[in-house]
PDB file of all heavy atoms in Angstrom:
ATOM      1  N   PRO A   1      -8.563   4.667  12.585  1.00  0.00           N
ATOM      2  CA  PRO A   1      -8.203   5.827  13.421  1.00  0.00           C
ATOM      3  C   PRO A   1      -7.055   5.579  14.336  1.00  0.00           C
ATOM      4  O   PRO A   1      -6.273   6.595  14.627  1.00  0.00           O
ATOM      5  CB  PRO A   1      -9.435   6.169  14.139  1.00  0.00           C
ATOM      6  CG  PRO A   1     -10.264   4.850  14.078  1.00  0.00           C
ATOM      7  CD  PRO A   1      -9.902   4.193  12.794  1.00  0.00           C
ATOM      8  N   GLU A   2      -6.861   4.366  14.828  1.00  0.00           N
ATOM      9  CA  GLU A   2      -5.804   4.147  15.802  1.00  0.00           C
ATOM     10  C   GLU A   2      -4.386   4.235  15.169  1.00  0.00           C
ATOM     11  O   GLU A   2      -3.392   4.293  15.874  1.00  0.00           O
ATOM     12  CB  GLU A   2      -5.855   2.775  16.522  1.00  0.00           C
ATOM     13  CG  GLU A   2      -6.106   1.611  15.625  1.00  0.00           C
ATOM     14  CD  GLU A   2      -7.560   1.264  15.403  1.00  0.00           C
ATOM     15  OE1 GLU A   2      -8.335   2.155  15.176  1.00  0.00           O
ATOM     16  OE2 GLU A   2      -7.866   0.016  15.469  1.00  0.00           O
ATOM     17  N   LEU A   3      -4.351   4.153  13.787  1.00  0.00           N
ATOM     18  CA  LEU A   3      -3.036   4.304  13.130  1.00  0.00           C
ATOM     19  C   LEU A   3      -2.745   5.722  12.595  1.00  0.00           C
ATOM     20  O   LEU A   3      -1.749   5.958  12.040  1.00  0.00           O
ATOM     21  CB  LEU A   3      -2.955   3.300  12.032  1.00  0.00           C
ATOM     22  CG  LEU A   3      -2.976   1.850  12.352  1.00  0.00           C
ATOM     23  CD1 LEU A   3      -2.877   0.970  11.105  1.00  0.00           C
ATOM     24  CD2 LEU A   3      -1.859   1.510  13.268  1.00  0.00           C
ATOM     25  N   ALA A   4      -3.691   6.618  12.805  1.00  0.00           N
ATOM     26  CA  ALA A   4      -3.539   7.942  12.300  1.00  0.00           C
ATOM     27  C   ALA A   4      -2.381   8.662  12.856  1.00  0.00           C
ATOM     28  O   ALA A   4      -1.761   9.514  12.247  1.00  0.00           O
ATOM     29  CB  ALA A   4      -4.827   8.767  12.534  1.00  0.00           C
ATOM     30  N   GLU A   5      -2.029   8.329  14.164  1.00  0.00           N
ATOM     31  CA  GLU A   5      -0.984   9.069  14.871  1.00  0.00           C
ATOM     32  C   GLU A   5       0.375   8.324  14.772  1.00  0.00           C
ATOM     33  O   GLU A   5       1.335   8.730  15.297  1.00  0.00           O
ATOM     34  CB  GLU A   5      -1.285   9.294  16.293  1.00  0.00           C
ATOM     35  CG  GLU A   5      -2.662  10.099  16.506  1.00  0.00           C
ATOM     36  CD  GLU A   5      -2.991  10.221  17.972  1.00  0.00           C
ATOM     37  OE1 GLU A   5      -2.237   9.806  18.793  1.00  0.00           O
ATOM     38  OE2 GLU A   5      -4.052  10.787  18.291  1.00  0.00           O
ATOM     39  N   VAL A   6       0.440   7.198  14.089  1.00  0.00           N
ATOM     40  CA  VAL A   6       1.663   6.421  13.996  1.00  0.00           C
ATOM     41  C   VAL A   6       2.516   7.073  12.967  1.00  0.00           C
ATOM     42  O   VAL A   6       2.202   7.277  11.832  1.00  0.00           O
ATOM     43  CB  VAL A   6       1.405   4.942  13.566  1.00  0.00           C
ATOM     44  CG1 VAL A   6       2.651   4.187  13.389  1.00  0.00           C
ATOM     45  CG2 VAL A   6       0.443   4.257  14.600  1.00  0.00           C
ATOM     46  N   PRO A   7       3.801   7.451  13.410  1.00  0.00           N
ATOM     47  CA  PRO A   7       4.693   8.123  12.495  1.00  0.00           C
ATOM     48  C   PRO A   7       5.299   7.173  11.448  1.00  0.00           C
ATOM     49  O   PRO A   7       5.237   5.941  11.615  1.00  0.00           O
ATOM     50  CB  PRO A   7       5.842   8.660  13.403  1.00  0.00           C
ATOM     51  CG  PRO A   7       5.839   7.727  14.634  1.00  0.00           C
ATOM     52  CD  PRO A   7       4.370   7.304  14.772  1.00  0.00           C
ATOM     53  N   GLY A   8       5.860   7.718  10.370  1.00  0.00           N
ATOM     54  CA  GLY A   8       6.544   6.883   9.365  1.00  0.00           C
ATOM     55  C   GLY A   8       5.610   6.541   8.191  1.00  0.00           C
ATOM     56  O   GLY A   8       4.420   6.864   8.211  1.00  0.00           O
ATOM     57  N   ASP A   9       6.220   6.002   7.225  1.00  0.00           N
ATOM     58  CA  ASP A   9       5.514   5.682   5.993  1.00  0.00           C
ATOM     59  C   ASP A   9       5.570   4.181   5.596  1.00  0.00           C
ATOM     60  O   ASP A   9       5.581   3.843   4.469  1.00  0.00           O
ATOM     61  CB  ASP A   9       6.015   6.533   4.781  1.00  0.00           C
ATOM     62  CG  ASP A   9       7.526   6.228   4.573  1.00  0.00           C
ATOM     63  OD1 ASP A   9       8.162   5.615   5.416  1.00  0.00           O
ATOM     64  OD2 ASP A   9       8.044   6.682   3.529  1.00  0.00           O
ATOM     65  N   ALA A  10       5.612   3.345   6.644  1.00  0.00           N
ATOM     66  CA  ALA A  10       5.790   1.918   6.446  1.00  0.00           C
ATOM     67  C   ALA A  10       4.655   1.341   5.561  1.00  0.00           C
ATOM     68  O   ALA A  10       4.843   0.594   4.607  1.00  0.00           O
ATOM     69  CB  ALA A  10       5.915   1.140   7.725  1.00  0.00           C
ATOM     70  N   LEU A  11       3.356   1.681   5.884  1.00  0.00           N
ATOM     71  CA  LEU A  11       2.237   1.146   5.181  1.00  0.00           C
ATOM     72  C   LEU A  11       2.229   1.592   3.712  1.00  0.00           C
ATOM     73  O   LEU A  11       2.007   0.720   2.841  1.00  0.00           O
ATOM     74  CB  LEU A  11       0.887   1.508   5.850  1.00  0.00           C
ATOM     75  CG  LEU A  11       0.401   0.556   6.943  1.00  0.00           C
ATOM     76  CD1 LEU A  11      -0.850   1.079   7.622  1.00  0.00           C
ATOM     77  CD2 LEU A  11       0.216  -0.838   6.426  1.00  0.00           C
ATOM     78  N   PRO A  12       2.449   2.855   3.462  1.00  0.00           N
ATOM     79  CA  PRO A  12       2.425   3.270   1.991  1.00  0.00           C
ATOM     80  C   PRO A  12       3.540   2.594   1.247  1.00  0.00           C
ATOM     81  O   PRO A  12       3.373   2.209   0.048  1.00  0.00           O
ATOM     82  CB  PRO A  12       2.604   4.804   2.057  1.00  0.00           C
ATOM     83  CG  PRO A  12       2.124   5.217   3.413  1.00  0.00           C
ATOM     84  CD  PRO A  12       2.393   4.049   4.341  1.00  0.00           C
ATOM     85  N   ARG A  13       4.644   2.345   1.917  1.00  0.00           N
ATOM     86  CA  ARG A  13       5.781   1.679   1.189  1.00  0.00           C
ATOM     87  C   ARG A  13       5.425   0.216   0.909  1.00  0.00           C
ATOM     88  O   ARG A  13       5.776  -0.307  -0.214  1.00  0.00           O
ATOM     89  CB  ARG A  13       7.046   1.795   2.007  1.00  0.00           C
ATOM     90  CG  ARG A  13       7.719   3.258   1.934  1.00  0.00           C
ATOM     91  CD  ARG A  13       9.107   3.276   2.565  1.00  0.00           C
ATOM     92  NE  ARG A  13       9.026   3.115   4.004  1.00  0.00           N
ATOM     93  CZ  ARG A  13       9.411   2.073   4.665  1.00  0.00           C
ATOM     94  NH1 ARG A  13       9.878   1.065   4.021  1.00  0.00           N
ATOM     95  NH2 ARG A  13       9.401   2.075   6.008  1.00  0.00           N
ATOM     96  N   VAL A  14       4.783  -0.452   1.844  1.00  0.00           N
ATOM     97  CA  VAL A  14       4.428  -1.805   1.605  1.00  0.00           C
ATOM     98  C   VAL A  14       3.380  -1.903   0.556  1.00  0.00           C
ATOM     99  O   VAL A  14       3.428  -2.796  -0.355  1.00  0.00           O
ATOM    100  CB  VAL A  14       3.760  -2.412   2.965  1.00  0.00           C
ATOM    101  CG1 VAL A  14       3.207  -3.794   2.649  1.00  0.00           C
ATOM    102  CG2 VAL A  14       4.925  -2.587   3.964  1.00  0.00           C
ATOM    103  N   VAL A  15       2.343  -1.004   0.445  1.00  0.00           N
ATOM    104  CA  VAL A  15       1.375  -1.004  -0.577  1.00  0.00           C
ATOM    105  C   VAL A  15       2.028  -0.821  -1.961  1.00  0.00           C
ATOM    106  O   VAL A  15       1.691  -1.505  -2.910  1.00  0.00           O
ATOM    107  CB  VAL A  15       0.331   0.128  -0.283  1.00  0.00           C
ATOM    108  CG1 VAL A  15      -0.607   0.340  -1.527  1.00  0.00           C
ATOM    109  CG2 VAL A  15      -0.508  -0.186   0.922  1.00  0.00           C
ATOM    110  N   ALA A  16       2.962   0.177  -2.017  1.00  0.00           N
ATOM    111  CA  ALA A  16       3.630   0.452  -3.338  1.00  0.00           C
ATOM    112  C   ALA A  16       4.399  -0.757  -3.686  1.00  0.00           C
ATOM    113  O   ALA A  16       4.393  -1.123  -4.924  1.00  0.00           O
ATOM    114  CB  ALA A  16       4.499   1.690  -3.099  1.00  0.00           C
ATOM    115  N   LYS A  17       5.068  -1.425  -2.844  1.00  0.00           N
ATOM    116  CA  LYS A  17       5.920  -2.565  -3.175  1.00  0.00           C
ATOM    117  C   LYS A  17       4.995  -3.732  -3.636  1.00  0.00           C
ATOM    118  O   LYS A  17       5.339  -4.462  -4.624  1.00  0.00           O
ATOM    119  CB  LYS A  17       6.762  -3.042  -1.990  1.00  0.00           C
ATOM    120  CG  LYS A  17       7.668  -4.229  -2.306  1.00  0.00           C
ATOM    121  CD  LYS A  17       8.522  -4.599  -1.054  1.00  0.00           C
ATOM    122  CE  LYS A  17       9.556  -3.531  -0.809  1.00  0.00           C
ATOM    123  NZ  LYS A  17      10.523  -3.946   0.281  1.00  0.00           N
ATOM    124  N   LEU A  18       3.832  -3.963  -2.964  1.00  0.00           N
ATOM    125  CA  LEU A  18       2.959  -4.972  -3.320  1.00  0.00           C
ATOM    126  C   LEU A  18       2.382  -4.760  -4.696  1.00  0.00           C
ATOM    127  O   LEU A  18       2.176  -5.623  -5.495  1.00  0.00           O
ATOM    128  CB  LEU A  18       1.902  -5.169  -2.252  1.00  0.00           C
ATOM    129  CG  LEU A  18       0.925  -6.319  -2.472  1.00  0.00           C
ATOM    130  CD1 LEU A  18       1.593  -7.623  -2.528  1.00  0.00           C
ATOM    131  CD2 LEU A  18      -0.099  -6.351  -1.278  1.00  0.00           C
ATOM    132  N   GLU A  19       2.022  -3.432  -4.996  1.00  0.00           N
ATOM    133  CA  GLU A  19       1.454  -3.151  -6.291  1.00  0.00           C
ATOM    134  C   GLU A  19       2.442  -3.423  -7.416  1.00  0.00           C
ATOM    135  O   GLU A  19       2.073  -3.960  -8.477  1.00  0.00           O
ATOM    136  CB  GLU A  19       1.073  -1.690  -6.275  1.00  0.00           C
ATOM    137  CG  GLU A  19      -0.169  -1.326  -5.525  1.00  0.00           C
ATOM    138  CD  GLU A  19      -0.531   0.124  -5.512  1.00  0.00           C
ATOM    139  OE1 GLU A  19       0.405   0.918  -5.772  1.00  0.00           O
ATOM    140  OE2 GLU A  19      -1.690   0.509  -5.256  1.00  0.00           O
ATOM    141  N   ARG A  20       3.732  -3.086  -7.147  1.00  0.00           N
ATOM    142  CA  ARG A  20       4.768  -3.395  -8.172  1.00  0.00           C
ATOM    143  C   ARG A  20       4.877  -4.849  -8.401  1.00  0.00           C
ATOM    144  O   ARG A  20       5.040  -5.344  -9.541  1.00  0.00           O
ATOM    145  CB  ARG A  20       6.081  -2.759  -7.794  1.00  0.00           C
ATOM    146  CG  ARG A  20       6.123  -1.216  -7.898  1.00  0.00           C
ATOM    147  CD  ARG A  20       7.576  -0.712  -7.814  1.00  0.00           C
ATOM    148  NE  ARG A  20       8.266  -1.096  -6.622  1.00  0.00           N
ATOM    149  CZ  ARG A  20       8.221  -0.379  -5.505  1.00  0.00           C
ATOM    150  NH1 ARG A  20       7.557   0.754  -5.424  1.00  0.00           N
ATOM    151  NH2 ARG A  20       8.835  -0.800  -4.417  1.00  0.00           N
ATOM    152  N   ALA A  21       4.906  -5.629  -7.307  1.00  0.00           N
ATOM    153  CA  ALA A  21       5.140  -7.076  -7.405  1.00  0.00           C
ATOM    154  C   ALA A  21       3.906  -7.768  -8.068  1.00  0.00           C
ATOM    155  O   ALA A  21       4.037  -8.748  -8.796  1.00  0.00           O
ATOM    156  CB  ALA A  21       5.396  -7.688  -6.009  1.00  0.00           C
ATOM    157  N   ALA A  22       2.678  -7.285  -7.648  1.00  0.00           N
ATOM    158  CA  ALA A  22       1.456  -7.915  -8.163  1.00  0.00           C
ATOM    159  C   ALA A  22       1.119  -7.647  -9.613  1.00  0.00           C
ATOM    160  O   ALA A  22       0.388  -8.395 -10.257  1.00  0.00           O
ATOM    161  CB  ALA A  22       0.299  -7.612  -7.254  1.00  0.00           C
ATOM    162  N   GLY A  23       1.624  -6.518 -10.102  1.00  0.00           N
ATOM    163  CA  GLY A  23       1.275  -6.110 -11.493  1.00  0.00           C
ATOM    164  C   GLY A  23       0.074  -5.246 -11.586  1.00  0.00           C
ATOM    165  O   GLY A  23      -0.622  -4.982 -10.611  1.00  0.00           O
ATOM    166  N   GLU A  24      -0.242  -4.830 -12.791  1.00  0.00           N
ATOM    167  CA  GLU A  24      -1.353  -3.805 -13.022  1.00  0.00           C
ATOM    168  C   GLU A  24      -2.711  -4.440 -12.725  1.00  0.00           C
ATOM    169  O   GLU A  24      -3.558  -3.735 -12.306  1.00  0.00           O
ATOM    170  CB  GLU A  24      -1.281  -3.352 -14.495  1.00  0.00           C
ATOM    171  CG  GLU A  24      -0.058  -2.549 -14.812  1.00  0.00           C
ATOM    172  CD  GLU A  24      -0.084  -2.041 -16.219  1.00  0.00           C
ATOM    173  OE1 GLU A  24      -1.060  -2.313 -16.942  1.00  0.00           O
ATOM    174  OE2 GLU A  24       0.874  -1.379 -16.662  1.00  0.00           O
ATOM    175  N   GLY A  25      -2.839  -5.741 -12.947  1.00  0.00           N
ATOM    176  CA  GLY A  25      -4.172  -6.410 -12.750  1.00  0.00           C
ATOM    177  C   GLY A  25      -4.656  -6.277 -11.347  1.00  0.00           C
ATOM    178  O   GLY A  25      -5.776  -5.782 -11.110  1.00  0.00           O
ATOM    179  N   ALA A  26      -3.850  -6.597 -10.364  1.00  0.00           N
ATOM    180  CA  ALA A  26      -4.224  -6.536  -8.997  1.00  0.00           C
ATOM    181  C   ALA A  26      -4.462  -5.065  -8.532  1.00  0.00           C
ATOM    182  O   ALA A  26      -5.420  -4.834  -7.787  1.00  0.00           O
ATOM    183  CB  ALA A  26      -3.190  -7.212  -8.064  1.00  0.00           C
ATOM    184  N   ALA A  27      -3.561  -4.233  -8.945  1.00  0.00           N
ATOM    185  CA  ALA A  27      -3.685  -2.802  -8.567  1.00  0.00           C
ATOM    186  C   ALA A  27      -4.932  -2.206  -9.128  1.00  0.00           C
ATOM    187  O   ALA A  27      -5.636  -1.445  -8.452  1.00  0.00           O
ATOM    188  CB  ALA A  27      -2.464  -2.028  -9.085  1.00  0.00           C
ATOM    189  N   GLU A  28      -5.362  -2.533 -10.346  1.00  0.00           N
ATOM    190  CA  GLU A  28      -6.615  -2.042 -10.918  1.00  0.00           C
ATOM    191  C   GLU A  28      -7.816  -2.574 -10.222  1.00  0.00           C
ATOM    192  O   GLU A  28      -8.729  -1.824  -9.905  1.00  0.00           O
ATOM    193  CB  GLU A  28      -6.603  -2.398 -12.401  1.00  0.00           C
ATOM    194  CG  GLU A  28      -7.883  -1.874 -13.142  1.00  0.00           C
ATOM    195  CD  GLU A  28      -7.878  -2.219 -14.590  1.00  0.00           C
ATOM    196  OE1 GLU A  28      -6.869  -2.761 -15.073  1.00  0.00           O
ATOM    197  OE2 GLU A  28      -8.916  -1.952 -15.249  1.00  0.00           O
ATOM    198  N   VAL A  29      -7.767  -3.845  -9.903  1.00  0.00           N
ATOM    199  CA  VAL A  29      -8.911  -4.462  -9.217  1.00  0.00           C
ATOM    200  C   VAL A  29      -9.139  -3.833  -7.808  1.00  0.00           C
ATOM    201  O   VAL A  29     -10.212  -3.443  -7.440  1.00  0.00           O
ATOM    202  CB  VAL A  29      -8.780  -6.000  -9.108  1.00  0.00           C
ATOM    203  CG1 VAL A  29      -9.889  -6.587  -8.191  1.00  0.00           C
ATOM    204  CG2 VAL A  29      -8.893  -6.621 -10.461  1.00  0.00           C
ATOM    205  N   SER A  30      -8.004  -3.740  -7.103  1.00  0.00           N
ATOM    206  CA  SER A  30      -8.141  -3.240  -5.704  1.00  0.00           C
ATOM    207  C   SER A  30      -8.459  -1.790  -5.643  1.00  0.00           C
ATOM    208  O   SER A  30      -9.099  -1.339  -4.700  1.00  0.00           O
ATOM    209  CB  SER A  30      -6.803  -3.536  -4.959  1.00  0.00           C
ATOM    210  OG  SER A  30      -5.730  -2.799  -5.575  1.00  0.00           O
ATOM    211  N   SER A  31      -8.083  -1.032  -6.661  1.00  0.00           N
ATOM    212  CA  SER A  31      -8.388   0.427  -6.673  1.00  0.00           C
ATOM    213  C   SER A  31      -9.865   0.680  -6.878  1.00  0.00           C
ATOM    214  O   SER A  31     -10.382   1.806  -6.570  1.00  0.00           O
ATOM    215  CB  SER A  31      -7.583   1.078  -7.729  1.00  0.00           C
ATOM    216  OG  SER A  31      -7.960   0.624  -9.011  1.00  0.00           O
TER     217      SER A  31
END
C-alpha cells in the first residue's frame, strides 16, 4: 500500500526487463 501513490512505472519496467533476461522458465514459475 505504501507504494500505491508513488508515480512512475519503474517497478513494471524492472519486472518486464527481468522477465526478458530470465527467460520463459522463470516467468512461468513466478506467475
